[in-house]
Structures are given as structure tokens and as C-alpha cells.
Protein backbone atom coordinates (compact mmCIF):
# COMPACT_ATOMS: atom_id res chain seq x y z
CA GLU A 1 75.24 -14.76 26.68
CA VAL A 2 71.54 -15.54 27.22
CA ARG A 3 69.40 -17.61 24.89
CA LEU A 4 66.35 -15.69 23.99
CA PHE A 5 64.54 -18.15 21.80
CA ASN A 6 64.72 -21.66 20.59
CA ARG A 7 63.73 -22.60 16.91
CA ASN A 8 64.11 -25.53 14.58
CA THR A 9 62.99 -25.93 10.95
CA ARG A 10 59.35 -26.40 12.31
CA GLU A 11 58.79 -23.88 14.95
CA PHE A 12 60.04 -20.91 16.98
CA HIS A 13 59.31 -19.99 20.55
CA LEU A 14 60.70 -17.62 23.29
CA THR A 15 62.80 -19.12 26.07
CA ALA A 16 61.85 -17.97 29.82
CA GLU A 17 64.53 -15.17 29.47
CA GLY A 18 63.09 -14.20 26.03
CA VAL A 19 59.58 -13.77 27.51
CA VAL A 20 60.81 -11.56 30.28
CA LEU A 21 62.81 -9.42 27.70
CA PHE A 22 59.85 -9.32 25.44
CA ASN A 23 57.52 -8.12 28.16
CA HIS A 24 59.62 -5.54 29.44
CA ALA A 25 60.35 -4.32 25.73
CA GLN A 26 56.51 -4.30 25.20
CA VAL A 27 55.93 -2.09 28.13
CA VAL A 28 58.60 0.63 26.72
CA LEU A 29 56.80 0.35 23.36
CA ASP A 30 53.42 0.82 25.01
CA HIS A 31 54.48 3.71 26.64
CA VAL A 32 55.68 5.27 23.53
CA LYS A 33 52.45 4.39 21.89
CA ALA A 34 50.52 5.90 24.77
CA THR A 35 52.58 9.24 24.47
CA ASP A 36 51.63 9.28 20.61
CA GLU A 37 48.09 8.78 21.57
CA ALA A 38 48.09 11.33 24.24
CA VAL A 39 49.51 13.89 21.87
CA ALA A 40 46.96 12.95 19.27
CA GLY A 41 44.22 13.45 21.90
CA LEU A 42 45.33 17.08 22.61
CA ARG A 43 44.08 17.59 18.96
CA HIS A 44 40.92 15.89 19.55
CA THR A 45 41.65 13.59 16.56
CA PRO A 46 42.31 10.10 17.38
CA SER A 47 44.13 8.50 14.53
CA GLY A 48 46.05 5.39 13.27
CA ALA A 49 45.48 1.68 12.53
CA LEU A 50 43.04 -0.15 15.16
CA LYS A 51 43.35 -3.93 15.04
CA VAL A 52 40.28 -5.61 16.25
CA SER A 53 39.41 -9.23 16.34
CA LEU A 54 35.54 -10.26 16.14
CA PRO A 55 33.76 -13.60 16.67
CA MET A 56 31.79 -14.56 13.62
CA ALA A 57 28.20 -14.18 14.53
CA PHE A 58 28.84 -11.29 16.59
CA SER A 59 30.48 -9.51 13.66
CA ARG A 60 27.90 -10.57 10.92
CA ASP A 61 24.64 -10.22 13.08
CA ILE A 62 25.30 -7.25 15.47
CA ILE A 63 28.45 -5.09 14.27
CA GLY A 64 29.10 -5.56 10.65
CA GLY A 65 26.27 -3.36 9.54
CA HIS A 66 27.76 -0.52 11.64
CA LEU A 67 31.27 -0.36 10.78
CA LEU A 68 30.93 2.34 8.04
CA ALA A 69 29.27 4.56 10.66
CA PHE A 70 32.28 4.34 13.01
CA SER A 71 34.65 5.06 9.99
CA LYS A 72 32.57 8.33 9.17
CA GLN A 73 32.46 9.27 12.77
CA TYR A 74 36.39 8.66 13.21
CA PRO A 75 37.92 9.16 9.60
CA ASP A 76 41.37 9.25 10.86
CA ILE A 77 41.00 5.72 12.50
CA ARG A 78 41.91 2.89 10.00
CA LEU A 79 40.07 -0.18 11.18
CA GLN A 80 41.57 -3.59 10.57
CA ILE A 81 38.82 -6.06 11.37
CA MET A 82 39.84 -9.82 11.66
CA VAL A 83 36.70 -12.21 12.00
CA THR A 84 37.59 -15.49 13.41
CA PRO A 85 35.75 -18.48 15.14
CA HIS A 86 38.68 -19.23 17.16
CA SER A 87 40.39 -17.89 20.19
CA VAL A 88 43.10 -15.33 19.48
CA ASN A 89 46.50 -14.30 21.17
CA LEU A 90 46.65 -10.56 21.46
CA MET A 91 50.36 -10.23 21.68
CA ARG A 92 51.19 -12.92 19.01
CA GLU A 93 48.82 -11.55 16.59
CA ASP A 94 49.54 -7.95 17.42
CA LEU A 95 45.99 -6.90 18.04
CA ASP A 96 44.88 -3.79 19.95
CA LEU A 97 41.46 -5.40 20.79
CA ALA A 98 39.63 -8.63 20.80
CA PHE A 99 36.00 -9.40 21.26
CA VAL A 100 35.41 -13.11 22.42
CA VAL A 101 32.63 -15.20 23.56
CA GLY A 102 33.09 -16.28 27.25
CA LEU A 103 35.44 -15.18 29.71
CA PRO A 104 38.90 -16.27 29.13
CA GLU A 105 40.93 -18.03 31.79
CA ASN A 106 44.17 -16.05 31.21
CA SER A 107 44.35 -13.72 34.50
CA GLU A 108 46.63 -11.19 32.52
CA ILE A 109 44.09 -10.21 30.20
CA VAL A 110 42.13 -7.07 31.00
CA ALA A 111 38.33 -8.16 30.23
CA LYS A 112 35.34 -6.02 29.83
CA LYS A 113 31.81 -7.53 29.62
CA ILE A 114 30.03 -6.08 26.36
CA LEU A 115 26.99 -8.41 26.12
CA ASP A 116 25.03 -10.76 28.53
CA SER A 117 22.24 -12.29 26.49
CA PRO A 118 20.16 -15.10 28.09
CA LEU A 119 19.85 -18.38 26.10
CA ILE A 120 16.48 -19.40 25.07
CA TRP A 121 14.68 -22.52 23.47
CA VAL A 122 13.35 -21.65 19.98
CA ALA A 123 11.71 -23.54 17.29
CA SER A 124 9.87 -22.61 13.96
CA ALA A 125 6.32 -21.60 14.32
CA ASP A 126 5.26 -24.54 12.34
CA TYR A 127 7.28 -27.12 14.16
CA ALA A 128 6.00 -25.95 17.45
CA ASP A 129 2.34 -25.80 16.49
CA ARG A 130 2.76 -29.37 14.89
CA ARG A 131 5.24 -31.26 17.21
CA ILE A 132 5.30 -29.58 20.64
CA LYS A 133 2.68 -30.99 23.01
CA HIS A 134 4.03 -30.79 26.62
CA GLU A 135 6.55 -28.14 27.79
CA THR A 136 8.32 -30.69 30.13
CA ILE A 137 11.96 -31.44 30.21
CA ASP A 138 11.29 -35.06 28.96
CA ASP A 139 9.35 -33.72 25.89
CA LEU A 140 12.08 -30.99 25.22
CA GLN A 141 14.75 -33.76 24.76
CA THR A 142 12.85 -35.60 22.05
CA HIS A 143 13.17 -32.31 20.14
CA LEU A 144 16.70 -31.67 20.32
CA MET A 145 18.70 -32.48 17.19
CA TYR A 146 21.18 -29.81 17.03
CA CYS A 147 23.15 -27.57 19.19
CA GLU A 148 25.89 -24.91 19.32
CA ARG A 149 29.27 -26.85 19.82
CA ARG A 150 29.99 -25.29 23.21
CA TYR A 151 26.81 -26.66 24.73
CA GLN A 152 27.72 -30.34 23.49
CA VAL A 153 27.91 -31.83 27.00
CA THR A 154 26.47 -34.60 28.96
CA ASN A 155 25.14 -32.50 31.73
CA PHE A 156 23.74 -29.17 30.43
CA GLN A 157 22.35 -27.59 33.68
CA VAL A 158 18.84 -26.08 33.46
CA ARG A 159 16.23 -25.05 36.09
CA ASP A 160 12.43 -25.07 36.26
CA ASN A 161 9.80 -24.56 38.83
CA THR A 162 10.57 -28.03 40.20
CA GLY A 163 14.27 -27.48 40.74
CA ARG A 164 17.52 -28.08 38.88
CA HIS A 165 17.96 -30.65 36.10
CA ALA A 166 20.67 -31.96 33.55
CA ILE A 167 20.05 -32.39 30.03
CA ASN A 168 22.25 -34.71 28.06
CA MET A 169 23.27 -32.91 24.83
CA SER A 170 26.42 -34.97 24.01
CA HIS A 171 24.75 -36.93 21.20
CA LEU A 172 23.40 -33.92 19.26
CA MET A 173 24.73 -32.69 15.77
CA THR A 174 26.86 -29.56 16.33
CA VAL A 175 27.34 -26.13 14.60
CA ASN A 176 29.94 -23.71 15.73
CA ASP A 177 27.98 -20.67 14.39
CA PRO A 178 24.80 -19.77 16.00
CA LEU A 179 23.68 -17.83 12.88
CA ILE A 180 23.82 -21.49 10.98
CA LEU A 181 21.96 -22.90 13.77
CA ARG A 182 19.45 -20.36 13.75
CA GLN A 183 18.64 -21.07 10.09
CA ILE A 184 18.56 -24.81 10.68
CA ILE A 185 15.69 -23.97 13.34
CA VAL A 186 13.99 -21.65 11.00
CA ASP A 187 13.87 -24.37 8.60
CA GLY A 188 12.17 -26.84 10.86
CA GLY A 189 15.16 -28.59 12.63
CA GLY A 190 13.39 -29.05 15.79
CA VAL A 191 14.17 -26.92 18.88
CA ALA A 192 17.69 -25.55 19.85
CA LEU A 193 19.18 -23.21 22.41
CA LEU A 194 20.14 -19.85 21.12
CA PRO A 195 21.18 -16.45 22.53
CA GLN A 196 17.99 -14.19 22.57
CA LEU A 197 19.98 -11.40 20.95
CA TYR A 198 20.43 -13.50 17.73
CA CYS A 199 16.78 -14.56 17.50
CA GLN A 200 15.09 -10.98 18.08
CA LYS A 201 14.28 -10.30 14.61
CA GLU A 202 13.02 -13.72 13.83
CA LEU A 203 10.96 -13.78 16.98
CA GLU A 204 9.33 -10.49 15.99
CA THR A 205 8.62 -11.65 12.39
CA GLY A 206 7.33 -14.95 13.61
CA GLN A 207 9.92 -17.15 11.88
CA LEU A 208 10.86 -18.28 15.28
CA ARG A 209 8.88 -18.95 18.39
CA ARG A 210 10.20 -19.04 21.88
CA VAL A 211 9.22 -22.46 23.60
CA TYR A 212 9.76 -24.14 26.87
CA HIS A 213 9.64 -20.99 28.74
CA LYS A 214 9.68 -22.27 32.26
CA ILE A 215 13.06 -24.35 31.38
CA MET A 216 15.92 -21.83 31.96
CA SER A 217 19.29 -22.22 31.13
CA ASN A 218 22.11 -21.49 34.02
CA GLU A 219 24.32 -20.15 31.47
CA ALA A 220 24.27 -16.97 29.28
CA ALA A 221 25.71 -15.66 25.77
CA GLN A 222 28.50 -13.48 26.98
CA VAL A 223 30.91 -11.18 25.03
CA TYR A 224 33.89 -9.56 26.36
CA ALA A 225 36.31 -6.87 24.91
CA LEU A 226 39.79 -8.07 25.78
CA MET A 227 43.10 -5.91 26.12
CA PRO A 228 46.49 -7.07 27.08
CA SER A 229 47.02 -5.98 30.77
CA LEU A 230 50.56 -4.74 29.92
CA ARG A 231 49.32 -2.14 27.41
CA LEU A 232 47.95 1.16 28.16
CA GLN A 233 44.52 1.28 26.78
CA PRO A 234 44.61 3.55 23.59
CA GLN A 235 42.01 6.18 23.03
CA LYS A 236 40.86 4.70 19.79
CA ALA A 237 40.20 1.44 21.46
CA ARG A 238 38.09 3.04 24.21
CA LEU A 239 36.31 4.71 21.39
CA PHE A 240 35.52 1.50 19.58
CA ILE A 241 34.47 -0.49 22.77
CA ALA A 242 32.09 2.42 23.48
CA PHE A 243 30.82 2.32 19.99
CA VAL A 244 30.05 -1.32 20.29
CA GLU A 245 28.37 -1.09 23.53
CA ASP A 246 26.07 1.55 22.03
CA ILE A 247 25.22 -0.82 19.33
CA VAL A 248 24.47 -3.84 21.75
CA GLN A 249 22.38 -1.59 23.91
CA GLN A 250 20.09 -0.37 20.98
């Protein structure tokens, strides 16, 4: 007799033996699923549910307005979209596909880079005209009030024409949604670091202005598509990834 899981009144988790059995069973189920996908592919009509997780800002600002077009193009695929600010577990949440910000450390996850957008310093046009006098690192630090939570560190690395430098951003007020941060800056909340992709419209309309051009971040905003390595990638997942890549390129 082998114990496959431990449970009490508050939690449930697999034992080491249970994990082994689950992984082998998942492979069998995935091959069955892949067979169904292959047969469906012969009819050239991918179908069935596609469970996808999307990060908040990416879903709202980049992808959300295009989902109807995907459904019209592939009417037999039933999208099930989960929008979350948190990291997800593909297996536990039974997801076919997850888009995440930043490359996860889990080596068993298949990751494909979808987006690589530079981080830029921005301010409202009015704030830039009235307050920014010298485009130096010392001057920049006097205008930083907010940052995205992931960048709240004591030594944020940047570079300019004099070399590499560190900016202390640990004391700043934080927001975990770059779109909210973007609005704060549009409203005159100083200078902030944002992905260029999320600022493009505001830069074109003049709501935002790029500042401190020569002070560049060593990081970039990256979005990856994640798939479990044990699963054969279904055709409908490949179609959705290609669809998202096309949106980003546009």
C-alpha cells in the first residue's frame, strides 16, 4: 500500500509517490488529448475549451480589445480567460496556457518570449516643463514618488554616458498595476519608469513625455507564454500564441 496524498482539515497535498503517479497519469492524458487534437486538425477546425491566464495590464491594454476577433476567426474554440496579478500554477489551475511578466525560475516550464519592451522614464508634459531642469541621475531621484512594485529595490541598476549607477527606489510608494501608475503620472505624479508599450498612445497624444533619455534601465518589460513541459502543445494554444504575437507586433 502506497500513500498518494496527505490531508487534514485545512490542506491537501501530494506525497512524493503521489507526484510521480500524477505526472505519469498526466502524460497519458496529454497523449489522449494530443490524439484528439490531431484528429481535429485533420478537419482543419480546432475546437474545444482553451484555458488561458493573462496578467492584468497586458490583458486590459494590449489583448482585451482583440479577443472578439480571435473568437470570430476560430468560432469552435471556447476561450476561458483568467486575469490575475499573481503568478499561476499551470497544473494546479488546469490551464492550457499562461502569459506572465518575467521569466519564471521553474525549469520544467516551457517558456516562449512574446514581448520585450524597454522601460522608459516618463512624466506629464506639464510636470516636465515646470519641474525638470537637469537630466541627471541626482535630479531624476528628486522626482521619483511612485514605482511599480517589482522595481521597489535599494539598488535599481541604470546606465548613462558616464557608466553604471544604482538608484534607491525602496522608499517609493508602489503600485502593482502599470496602468494605474501610468494614470498617476499623467495626472502629474512626478516621474516613473514604465514599459514603453504601455505609454505609446499617451506619448503620441502628448499626455506623457519621455524624460531622462540618457538614463537607461538595464531591465526590460518581458512577457512570456508558458506551457507545461509534460504536455504536448495543443493546436489551439499555438494559434492563440500566434494571435497574441501578431497583436504585439502591430
